[in-house]
Amino acid sequence: MLTISQLAATAGVTVRTVRHYHQVGLLPEPERDASGYRRYSAQAAVDLIRIRTLADAGVPLARIDALLHAEPEEFASAIDDIDAGLQRKIDRLSENRRRIAELAGGERLVLPPEGVAVLERMRGLGVGELRIRLERDAWILMRAMDPQAVARRVREKNAELDDPETTRLFLACDRSADWDPYDPRLDRLIDDLDAWEVAHGRDDSRGTYLKLVSSRISEASPAWQRIIGAVAHRAEQRRSARLDT
């Protein structure tokens, strides 16, 4: 006869686990002997080992009691069902792992392939990861707010990256992220960007999507905040001047 500690050790579980199996009805709890101790038989040890083996294999505790008392054919059928359920769970977990692996890049999970291709092209040009992340966020916002504009913006972005002057300005802005917002180099960059805006007809009022993107970029760098603010201020001045004429 075994004490509860000896029973637990025999099956490779804890005393707490044995008591839990008592509570859920999987393992009968023996009466106390004359000394006030509960003593377990060899059959209890065998049953506990079977319970532990099934539980370790992933069988839900709610099904173990029926399996312990099932006939061989019934037991085999139930095990097949449990195995099929475990395979479905494995398949779901495998899919989750695949999606998590994509999420590590932060792009393929939420962006269309053509958007990802633009980001990869930017990386190839030497654009830093901070700006890449902001560009990714811009694509996410566009896809949510104006999905029909994505294809058009892909064409526009690739055309911009095809243009040497646009690419030069883009890379210059990228390098300015860590500059002091009053660095004199920003004055020249602001002038160049403003001239680019005028040359490309970008003085029109910005919609909600572009305002959100500008706000997101401004939050990332004090230097970028100054650039965006200065360029927007000049564009507003030009619009006001046109309205006054």
Foldseek 3Di string as FASTA:
>chain_A
DAFLCRLCVLLVHHSVVVVVCCVVVQQPFADADPVRTTDDDPVSSVSSNQLVVCVVVPNDPVCSSVLVPDDPVVNVVVVVVVVVVVVVVVVVVVVVVVLVVVCVVPAPNQADPLLVVLLVVCVVLPQDPVVSVLSRVLRNLCCVPPVVCNVVVSVVSVVLCVDPLSSVLVVVVRVCQPPDLPPVVLVVSLVSVLVVCVVVVVLDDDDPSVVVSLVVQCVRGVNSVSSVVSSNVVSVVVVVVVVVD
